[in-house]
Amino acid sequence: MAIAPNSKYFVSRNSRSRSSHRSVAHRSMFSSILVKPITYAGTNGDQEGQFSLIHIPLPLYSALLQPILRVLLPHGGPTGSEEPEGLLEGLSLDNKHGFLNISVTPIECSIVCHTSWATNVFEPVIKKLPKESQARVNISKDTYIVFSVSSAGMEAGQRVIDLTAPLAMAGIPIFFITTYYTDFILVPSKDRQTVGTALLDRGFEFSENDSAYVAPTTVSHVRNSSNYSDKPPPNTPPPTNVAELQARTFNHLRKRNVIPFVEPNLTLIQCSGREILPPSPQYGASHLNNTPSSWLDSMDPKLYIGLVSALAQQPKFLSVTLAQDDAPSLLVDKNLLWLFGSSIVGDTDCDLVPIFLDLGGLPEGSTGIVCGVAGKLVDEMRRDDVLNGNGTNQQNGNVEQGEGELSYLSTARAGAVVLSAEGSVRALDVLAPLLVKTE
């Protein structure tokens, strides 16, 4: 059964020029947010990509390693079957994925890729598995649209809340995936129109020039507004405010016995692949024999040697995201850094600790988990800072967290809240009592 993506999380927020994790701060308004669907050049012009979510149990990881590597390093050609499939969709002119996420965690392996790759690369291999193994691997029946979110001047925790709240209040299940450069929101294709309505109701405007939803800097940050959308969720009345949404979220998690945990001796690093100058067309190897240029020409080959080496050994934790406008983004077990050498950039001295939530027992269509969990953590940790006299910004009255930025990793059937080591201790102190069942 495909699990609705809003019940999972993803990843830590960074900006291109950032060298360390920023603190989570309250903002009174949006600061330059642009929400744009991921598109690719189709036969009828630019088309919004359709993406699938794949769940792979860890015991079957090695059996599906070949298609995982195949989708990581695409060449844009046929799939290699006896009857060539032609060009796989979802690639740019230089054969770069519009969007791809591969995550291996202590709970599962999760893939988000264009639907044509799920159908033509993964399904043939899955069908060769024993029947009982086939039943354990899941490719989502619903397809998803991916929105990139470019933002400046907003802290990660508050940004996650402000962008997911309108969709959660509208009853839309989502993924929220934040990488080193860009946030990404995945929504079911069937809810595409509702997403647009929810954003417009929230104060966004649609820009024809950018083909994107833009939040003016005058849009106020109202956490308790009930006017996110007029469309209620399909089976239950909508919460009237974010506080009610948080209460429902934790009640839902308690009923499903979701217990947060930390994997011993696991610390993560958020980083990016190092871009290099592409070779001259006169001498570049990719131009020999009229071979078209590739996005790989601008990346350090050591990065992909490191990725293949890490994936080949079934890492304890590795999440890599490829997107059409960004260099590759990694959230990776610190013990694997030696595989990448100088091919990555970022703050490799900042130890991050993931708090895992096994969400495999949640029903399909669960909504509001990202917003509910993120909002509660930000609220409680900010409140503690005020009570303890810590983290107060005297200049603008904002409350900042000294332990670093609150982050997420969304996967098919699990989620991870990612914080600094000290911040993770505080987060566990907040989450544990909220998720304990009471008699």
Protein backbone atom coordinates (compact mmCIF):
# COMPACT_ATOMS: atom_id res chain seq x y z
CA MET A 1 0.00 0.00 0.00
CA ALA A 2 1.34 3.40 -0.93
CA ILE A 3 1.62 5.67 2.06
CA ALA A 4 0.61 9.29 1.58
CA PRO A 5 3.68 11.48 1.40
CA ASN A 6 2.60 14.08 3.88
CA SER A 7 3.20 11.49 6.56
CA LYS A 8 6.88 11.63 5.87
CA TYR A 9 9.46 14.25 5.91
CA PHE A 10 12.58 15.36 4.38
CA VAL A 11 15.75 17.19 4.89
CA SER A 12 17.82 20.16 5.96
CA ARG A 13 17.68 23.62 4.41
CA ASN A 14 20.78 25.38 3.14
CA SER A 15 21.46 28.26 0.80
CA ARG A 16 24.11 28.22 -1.89
CA SER A 17 26.38 30.61 -0.04
CA ARG A 18 25.74 29.13 3.38
CA SER A 19 28.57 27.50 5.28
CA SER A 20 26.67 26.43 8.39
CA HIS A 21 23.15 25.73 9.58
CA ARG A 22 21.17 28.81 10.42
CA SER A 23 18.90 29.03 13.43
CA VAL A 24 15.13 28.71 13.33
CA ALA A 25 13.57 32.14 13.73
CA HIS A 26 10.08 33.54 13.75
CA ARG A 27 9.25 35.63 10.67
CA SER A 28 6.40 38.09 10.44
CA MET A 29 6.11 37.79 6.67
CA PHE A 30 7.14 35.75 3.66
CA SER A 31 10.39 36.94 2.12
CA SER A 32 10.50 36.28 -1.60
CA ILE A 33 9.02 32.80 -2.11
CA LEU A 34 8.50 31.34 -5.57
CA VAL A 35 6.71 27.98 -6.01
CA LYS A 36 7.16 26.48 -9.46
CA PRO A 37 6.26 23.04 -10.90
CA ILE A 38 9.08 20.90 -12.27
CA THR A 39 8.65 20.62 -16.05
CA TYR A 40 10.43 18.90 -18.92
CA ALA A 41 10.45 19.36 -22.67
CA GLY A 42 7.73 17.07 -24.05
CA THR A 43 6.41 16.56 -27.55
CA ASN A 44 3.82 19.29 -26.94
CA GLY A 45 6.13 21.79 -25.26
CA ASP A 46 6.99 22.03 -21.59
CA GLN A 47 4.98 19.57 -19.48
CA GLU A 48 4.69 19.10 -15.73
CA GLY A 49 6.53 15.92 -14.76
CA GLN A 50 4.65 12.96 -13.28
CA PHE A 51 6.60 11.22 -10.52
CA SER A 52 6.31 7.91 -8.67
CA LEU A 53 7.28 6.91 -5.15
CA ILE A 54 8.99 3.55 -4.67
CA HIS A 55 9.34 1.70 -1.34
CA ILE A 56 12.05 -0.99 -1.13
CA PRO A 57 12.43 -3.02 2.10
CA LEU A 58 16.06 -3.19 3.20
CA PRO A 59 16.31 -7.01 2.84
CA LEU A 60 15.53 -6.56 -0.88
CA TYR A 61 17.89 -3.64 -1.40
CA SER A 62 20.68 -5.67 -3.02
CA ALA A 63 18.21 -7.30 -5.43
CA LEU A 64 17.25 -3.85 -6.74
CA LEU A 65 20.64 -2.16 -6.66
CA GLN A 66 21.02 -2.30 -10.46
CA PRO A 67 17.94 -0.17 -11.24
CA ILE A 68 18.88 2.19 -8.38
CA LEU A 69 22.25 2.80 -10.01
CA ARG A 70 20.62 2.91 -13.45
CA VAL A 71 18.30 5.73 -12.43
CA LEU A 72 21.10 7.61 -10.65
CA LEU A 73 23.30 7.74 -13.75
CA PRO A 74 20.91 8.08 -16.72
CA HIS A 75 22.12 8.33 -20.29
CA GLY A 76 18.84 9.27 -21.92
CA GLY A 77 18.83 6.25 -24.22
CA PRO A 78 16.69 3.08 -24.48
CA THR A 79 16.20 0.92 -21.41
CA GLY A 80 18.05 -1.95 -23.03
CA SER A 81 15.04 -4.21 -23.53
CA GLU A 82 14.61 -6.26 -26.70
CA GLU A 83 12.14 -3.68 -27.97
CA PRO A 84 13.77 -0.29 -27.22
CA GLU A 85 11.51 2.05 -25.28
CA GLY A 86 13.05 5.18 -26.77
CA LEU A 87 14.03 8.16 -24.64
CA LEU A 88 12.94 7.97 -21.03
CA GLU A 89 10.91 11.01 -19.99
CA GLY A 90 11.61 13.55 -17.29
CA LEU A 91 15.10 14.49 -18.51
CA SER A 92 16.43 17.85 -19.63
CA LEU A 93 18.14 18.34 -23.00
CA ASP A 94 21.48 17.44 -21.37
CA ASN A 95 19.94 14.26 -19.86
CA LYS A 96 19.59 15.62 -16.34
CA HIS A 97 16.70 14.53 -14.11
CA GLY A 98 14.05 17.15 -13.48
CA PHE A 99 13.89 15.63 -10.02
CA LEU A 100 15.22 12.47 -8.40
CA ASN A 101 15.65 11.45 -4.77
CA ILE A 102 17.28 8.24 -3.57
CA SER A 103 17.27 7.69 0.19
CA VAL A 104 18.63 4.75 2.18
CA THR A 105 17.86 4.89 5.90
CA PRO A 106 17.85 2.38 8.78
CA ILE A 107 14.15 1.81 8.02
CA GLU A 108 13.88 1.52 4.23
CA CYS A 109 15.11 2.50 0.78
CA SER A 110 12.91 5.10 -0.91
CA ILE A 111 13.01 6.43 -4.48
CA VAL A 112 11.20 9.41 -6.01
CA CYS A 113 11.65 9.37 -9.79
CA HIS A 114 9.78 10.19 -12.97
CA THR A 115 7.01 7.67 -13.60
CA SER A 116 8.59 6.51 -16.87
CA TRP A 117 11.69 5.41 -14.93
CA ALA A 118 9.57 3.55 -12.38
CA THR A 119 7.75 1.76 -15.21
CA ASN A 120 10.62 1.06 -17.59
CA VAL A 121 13.59 0.62 -15.21
CA PHE A 122 12.24 -0.65 -11.86
CA GLU A 123 9.15 -2.67 -12.80
CA PRO A 124 10.96 -5.17 -15.11
CA VAL A 125 13.42 -6.02 -12.33
CA ILE A 126 10.71 -6.20 -9.65
CA LYS A 127 8.72 -8.66 -11.81
CA LYS A 128 11.71 -11.03 -11.80
CA LEU A 129 11.64 -11.30 -8.00
CA PRO A 130 9.85 -14.15 -6.22
CA LYS A 131 6.15 -13.47 -5.76
CA GLU A 132 6.42 -12.84 -2.03
CA SER A 133 9.27 -10.36 -2.62
CA GLN A 134 7.34 -8.57 -5.36
CA ALA A 135 4.50 -7.98 -2.91
CA ARG A 136 6.86 -6.27 -0.46
CA VAL A 137 8.11 -3.69 -2.98
CA ASN A 138 5.69 -0.88 -3.70
CA ILE A 139 5.43 1.61 -6.57
CA SER A 140 2.80 4.23 -5.79
CA LYS A 141 -0.43 3.90 -7.74
CA ASP A 142 -0.91 7.66 -7.68
CA THR A 143 1.50 9.94 -9.50
CA TYR A 144 2.87 13.15 -8.04
CA ILE A 145 3.78 16.61 -9.24
CA VAL A 146 6.92 18.23 -7.84
CA PHE A 147 7.09 21.93 -7.03
CA SER A 148 10.43 23.64 -6.43
CA VAL A 149 10.34 26.32 -3.74
CA SER A 150 12.87 29.13 -3.96
CA SER A 151 12.94 31.27 -0.85
CA ALA A 152 15.20 33.80 0.80
CA GLY A 153 15.16 35.34 4.24
CA MET A 154 13.15 32.57 5.93
CA GLU A 155 14.43 30.11 8.47
CA ALA A 156 13.91 26.44 7.70
CA GLY A 157 11.54 25.43 10.47
CA GLN A 158 9.21 28.39 9.94
CA ARG A 159 9.39 27.99 6.16
CA VAL A 160 8.30 24.36 6.37
CA ILE A 161 5.32 25.34 8.52
CA ASP A 162 4.24 28.29 6.39
CA LEU A 163 4.41 26.34 3.14
CA THR A 164 2.84 23.09 4.36
CA ALA A 165 0.07 24.59 6.51
CA PRO A 166 -2.10 25.82 3.60
CA LEU A 167 -1.91 22.40 1.94
CA ALA A 168 -2.49 20.49 5.18
CA MET A 169 -5.51 22.65 6.00
CA ALA A 170 -6.84 21.89 2.51
CA GLY A 171 -6.52 18.15 3.17
CA ILE A 172 -3.73 17.60 0.61
CA PRO A 173 -1.16 14.86 1.39
CA ILE A 174 2.34 16.04 0.50
CA PHE A 175 6.06 15.41 0.64
CA PHE A 176 8.21 18.31 1.75
CA ILE A 177 11.77 17.78 0.57
CA THR A 178 14.43 20.34 1.35
CA THR A 179 17.89 20.04 -0.17
CA TYR A 180 21.14 21.98 0.08
CA TYR A 181 19.79 24.57 -2.35
CA THR A 182 16.03 24.28 -2.83
CA ASP A 183 12.85 23.10 -1.14
CA PHE A 184 10.60 20.66 -3.01
CA ILE A 185 6.93 19.88 -2.41
CA LEU A 186 5.41 16.71 -3.87
CA VAL A 187 1.63 16.61 -4.21
CA PRO A 188 -0.69 14.03 -5.79
CA SER A 189 -1.37 14.91 -9.42
CA LYS A 190 -5.10 14.61 -8.74
CA ASP A 191 -4.82 17.49 -6.23
CA ARG A 192 -2.99 19.84 -8.59
CA GLN A 193 -5.86 22.32 -8.88
CA THR A 194 -6.50 22.33 -5.14
CA VAL A 195 -2.84 23.17 -4.51
CA GLY A 196 -3.13 26.25 -6.70
CA THR A 197 -6.32 27.32 -4.94
CA ALA A 198 -4.77 26.83 -1.48
CA LEU A 199 -1.72 28.93 -2.38
CA LEU A 200 -3.84 31.70 -3.89
CA ASP A 201 -6.03 31.74 -0.78
CA ARG A 202 -2.87 32.05 1.31
CA GLY A 203 -1.91 35.25 -0.54
CA PHE A 204 0.31 33.89 -3.31
CA GLU A 205 -0.09 35.31 -6.81
CA PHE A 206 0.43 33.39 -10.04
CA SER A 207 3.10 34.92 -12.26
CA GLU A 208 2.66 34.18 -15.97
CA ASN A 209 6.22 35.34 -16.64
CA ASP A 210 7.71 32.89 -14.12
CA SER A 211 5.01 30.19 -14.54
CA ALA A 212 5.07 30.08 -10.76
CA TYR A 213 3.20 31.07 -7.62
CA VAL A 214 4.88 34.05 -5.98
CA ALA A 215 4.40 35.22 -2.39
CA PRO A 216 4.65 39.02 -2.16
CA THR A 217 6.76 40.29 0.73
CA THR A 218 3.61 41.89 2.14
CA VAL A 219 1.94 38.53 2.83
CA SER A 220 1.59 38.29 6.59
CA HIS A 221 2.49 35.20 8.58
CA VAL A 222 -0.74 34.17 10.34
CA ARG A 223 -0.32 30.81 12.05
CA ASN A 224 -3.86 30.49 13.39
CA SER A 225 -5.88 31.60 10.39
CA SER A 226 -8.69 29.28 9.38
CA ASN A 227 -8.92 30.68 5.85
CA TYR A 228 -6.39 28.40 4.16
CA SER A 229 -8.95 26.80 1.85
CA ASP A 230 -12.67 26.40 1.44
CA LYS A 231 -12.23 22.76 0.39
CA PRO A 232 -12.44 20.34 3.35
CA PRO A 233 -10.53 17.04 3.43
CA PRO A 234 -12.56 14.21 1.89
CA ASN A 235 -13.42 12.22 5.01
CA THR A 236 -13.10 14.52 8.00
CA PRO A 237 -13.87 18.16 8.84
CA PRO A 238 -10.80 20.38 8.49
CA PRO A 239 -9.03 21.72 11.57
CA THR A 240 -9.86 25.34 12.24
CA ASN A 241 -6.27 26.37 12.98
CA VAL A 242 -2.70 25.07 13.11
CA ALA A 243 -2.91 24.32 16.86
CA GLU A 244 -5.83 21.96 16.22
CA LEU A 245 -3.92 20.44 13.32
CA GLN A 246 -0.98 19.72 15.64
CA ALA A 247 -3.25 18.12 18.22
CA ARG A 248 -4.83 15.87 15.59
CA THR A 249 -1.42 14.92 14.22
CA PHE A 250 -0.03 13.68 17.54
CA ASN A 251 -3.28 11.92 18.41
CA HIS A 252 -3.04 10.13 15.04
CA LEU A 253 0.60 9.15 15.67
CA ARG A 254 -0.15 7.91 19.21
CA LYS A 255 -2.95 5.67 17.96
CA ARG A 256 -0.51 4.12 15.47
CA ASN A 257 2.14 3.68 18.17
CA VAL A 258 4.74 5.81 16.36
CA ILE A 259 7.77 6.09 18.65
CA PRO A 260 10.66 8.45 17.81
CA PHE A 261 14.15 6.94 18.03
CA VAL A 262 17.78 7.78 17.34
CA GLU A 263 20.14 5.34 15.63
CA PRO A 264 23.27 4.90 17.80
CA ASN A 265 26.51 6.33 16.44
CA LEU A 266 24.87 7.89 13.38
CA THR A 267 25.68 11.51 12.56
CA LEU A 268 25.00 13.18 9.21
CA ILE A 269 26.51 15.86 7.02
CA GLN A 270 24.56 18.11 4.61
CA CYS A 271 26.59 18.94 1.51
CA SER A 272 26.58 19.46 -2.24
CA GLY A 273 28.49 18.13 -5.20
CA ARG A 274 31.26 20.41 -6.39
CA GLU A 275 30.65 21.85 -9.84
CA ILE A 276 33.57 22.16 -12.25
CA LEU A 277 34.02 24.02 -15.50
CA PRO A 278 32.79 21.90 -18.43
CA PRO A 279 35.39 20.86 -21.00
CA SER A 280 35.85 22.90 -24.13
CA PRO A 281 33.62 21.69 -26.99
CA GLN A 282 36.77 21.39 -29.07
CA TYR A 283 38.40 18.91 -26.69
CA GLY A 284 35.61 17.65 -24.43
CA ALA A 285 35.30 13.87 -24.40
CA SER A 286 31.52 14.02 -24.47
CA HIS A 287 31.71 15.67 -27.89
CA LEU A 288 33.74 12.91 -29.51
CA ASN A 289 31.88 11.03 -32.23
CA ASN A 290 29.10 13.65 -32.08
CA THR A 291 28.08 12.55 -28.57
CA PRO A 292 25.78 15.24 -27.09
CA SER A 293 26.88 17.25 -24.07
CA SER A 294 25.80 15.97 -20.67
CA TRP A 295 25.24 17.56 -17.27
CA LEU A 296 27.90 15.12 -16.02
CA ASP A 297 30.46 17.27 -17.87
CA SER A 298 30.16 19.94 -15.14
CA MET A 299 30.46 17.58 -12.15
CA ASP A 300 33.53 16.11 -10.46
CA PRO A 301 33.65 12.39 -11.44
CA LYS A 302 34.76 11.55 -7.87
CA LEU A 303 31.29 12.50 -6.67
CA TYR A 304 29.65 9.72 -8.68
CA ILE A 305 32.38 7.23 -7.85
CA GLY A 306 31.65 8.04 -4.20
CA LEU A 307 27.88 7.67 -4.66
CA VAL A 308 28.19 4.33 -6.43
CA SER A 309 30.66 3.09 -3.80
CA ALA A 310 28.35 4.16 -0.97
CA LEU A 311 25.23 2.63 -2.54
CA ALA A 312 27.06 -0.60 -3.35
CA GLN A 313 27.73 -1.22 0.36
CA GLN A 314 24.10 -0.48 1.42
CA PRO A 315 24.85 2.54 3.60
CA LYS A 316 23.26 3.04 6.97
CA PHE A 317 22.15 6.47 5.75
CA LEU A 318 22.49 8.26 2.41
CA SER A 319 20.06 10.62 0.69
CA VAL A 320 20.93 12.16 -2.67
CA THR A 321 18.77 14.57 -4.65
CA LEU A 322 19.25 15.54 -8.27
CA ALA A 323 17.27 18.52 -9.61
CA GLN A 324 17.38 20.26 -12.94
CA ASP A 325 18.57 23.65 -11.66
CA ASP A 326 20.89 22.56 -8.82
CA ALA A 327 24.08 20.65 -8.25
CA PRO A 328 23.54 17.25 -6.55
CA SER A 329 22.61 17.54 -2.87
CA LEU A 330 23.59 14.97 -0.24
CA LEU A 331 22.58 14.18 3.32
CA VAL A 332 25.05 11.48 4.25
CA ASP A 333 26.45 9.39 7.11
CA LYS A 334 29.62 11.18 8.24
CA ASN A 335 31.51 7.87 8.17
CA LEU A 336 31.10 7.86 4.36
CA LEU A 337 32.72 11.24 3.72
CA TRP A 338 36.06 9.68 2.88
CA LEU A 339 34.50 8.19 -0.27
CA PHE A 340 33.87 11.64 -1.74
CA GLY A 341 37.17 13.42 -1.10
CA SER A 342 37.22 16.95 -2.51
CA SER A 343 34.16 16.38 -4.73
CA ILE A 344 31.76 17.87 -2.15
CA VAL A 345 31.30 21.30 -0.60
CA GLY A 346 29.57 22.29 2.64
CA ASP A 347 30.07 22.35 6.39
CA THR A 348 31.57 18.93 7.08
CA ASP A 349 32.24 19.82 10.71
CA CYS A 350 28.56 20.21 11.64
CA ASP A 351 27.26 16.93 13.09
CA LEU A 352 23.55 16.40 12.49
CA VAL A 353 21.46 13.76 14.27
CA PRO A 354 18.31 12.29 12.69
CA ILE A 355 15.30 11.37 14.83
CA PHE A 356 13.41 8.62 13.01
CA LEU A 357 9.67 8.04 12.90
CA ASP A 358 8.52 4.73 11.41
CA LEU A 359 5.28 5.71 9.65
CA GLY A 360 4.59 2.46 7.83
CA GLY A 361 1.46 1.85 9.88
CA LEU A 362 -0.24 5.09 8.88
CA PRO A 363 -3.20 4.80 6.51
CA GLU A 364 -2.99 6.03 2.95
CA GLY A 365 -4.01 9.67 2.64
CA SER A 366 -2.73 10.83 6.03
CA THR A 367 -2.25 14.59 5.97
CA GLY A 368 -0.72 17.30 8.09
CA ILE A 369 2.11 15.24 9.59
CA VAL A 370 4.91 17.48 8.35
CA CYS A 371 3.18 20.68 9.43
CA GLY A 372 1.99 19.18 12.71
CA VAL A 373 5.34 17.78 13.84
CA ALA A 374 7.40 20.72 12.57
CA GLY A 375 5.07 23.27 14.06
CA LYS A 376 4.99 21.63 17.47
CA LEU A 377 8.78 21.32 17.64
CA VAL A 378 9.38 24.92 16.60
CA ASP A 379 6.73 26.22 19.01
CA GLU A 380 7.95 24.22 22.01
CA MET A 381 11.64 24.84 21.45
CA ARG A 382 11.00 28.55 20.92
CA ARG A 383 8.89 28.68 24.07
CA ASP A 384 11.67 27.02 26.08
CA ASP A 385 14.16 29.56 24.74
CA VAL A 386 11.92 32.42 25.87
CA LEU A 387 11.43 30.91 29.33
CA ASN A 388 15.17 30.29 29.70
CA GLY A 389 16.16 33.67 28.27
CA ASN A 390 18.06 32.05 25.40
CA GLY A 391 18.07 32.82 21.70
CA THR A 392 16.22 36.14 21.83
CA ASN A 393 17.08 38.50 19.01
CA GLN A 394 17.01 41.90 20.70
CA GLN A 395 17.02 43.81 17.43
CA ASN A 396 13.77 42.48 15.98
CA GLY A 397 12.19 40.53 18.83
CA ASN A 398 12.52 37.21 17.03
CA VAL A 399 13.33 34.05 18.93
CA GLU A 400 16.20 32.03 17.51
CA GLN A 401 17.29 28.51 18.42
CA GLY A 402 20.88 28.07 19.39
CA GLU A 403 21.09 24.39 18.42
CA GLY A 404 20.90 24.94 14.66
CA GLU A 405 18.33 24.41 11.99
CA LEU A 406 15.41 22.02 12.20
CA SER A 407 15.30 19.81 9.11
CA TYR A 408 13.47 16.87 7.53
CA LEU A 409 13.91 13.85 5.32
CA SER A 410 10.79 12.38 3.75
CA THR A 411 10.82 8.79 2.61
CA ALA A 412 8.09 6.40 1.48
CA ARG A 413 7.18 4.95 4.87
CA ALA A 414 9.33 6.78 7.39
CA GLY A 415 10.48 10.22 8.36
CA ALA A 416 13.47 11.82 10.02
CA VAL A 417 13.66 15.08 11.92
CA VAL A 418 17.25 16.30 11.57
CA LEU A 419 18.90 18.59 14.09
CA SER A 420 22.23 19.25 15.73
CA ALA A 421 23.22 16.82 18.49
CA GLU A 422 22.02 19.16 21.26
CA GLY A 423 18.91 20.09 19.30
CA SER A 424 18.00 16.43 18.81
CA VAL A 425 18.06 15.87 22.57
CA ARG A 426 15.65 18.78 23.05
CA ALA A 427 13.44 17.53 20.20
CA LEU A 428 13.21 14.05 21.73
CA ASP A 429 12.24 15.66 25.03
CA VAL A 430 9.40 17.40 23.19
CA LEU A 431 8.27 14.47 21.03
CA ALA A 432 8.44 11.58 23.49
CA PRO A 433 5.73 12.77 25.94
CA LEU A 434 3.43 13.73 23.06
CA LEU A 435 3.63 10.24 21.55
CA VAL A 436 3.20 8.18 24.72
CA LYS A 437 -0.18 6.46 24.91
CA THR A 438 -2.27 7.22 27.97
CA GLU A 439 -4.53 4.64 29.55
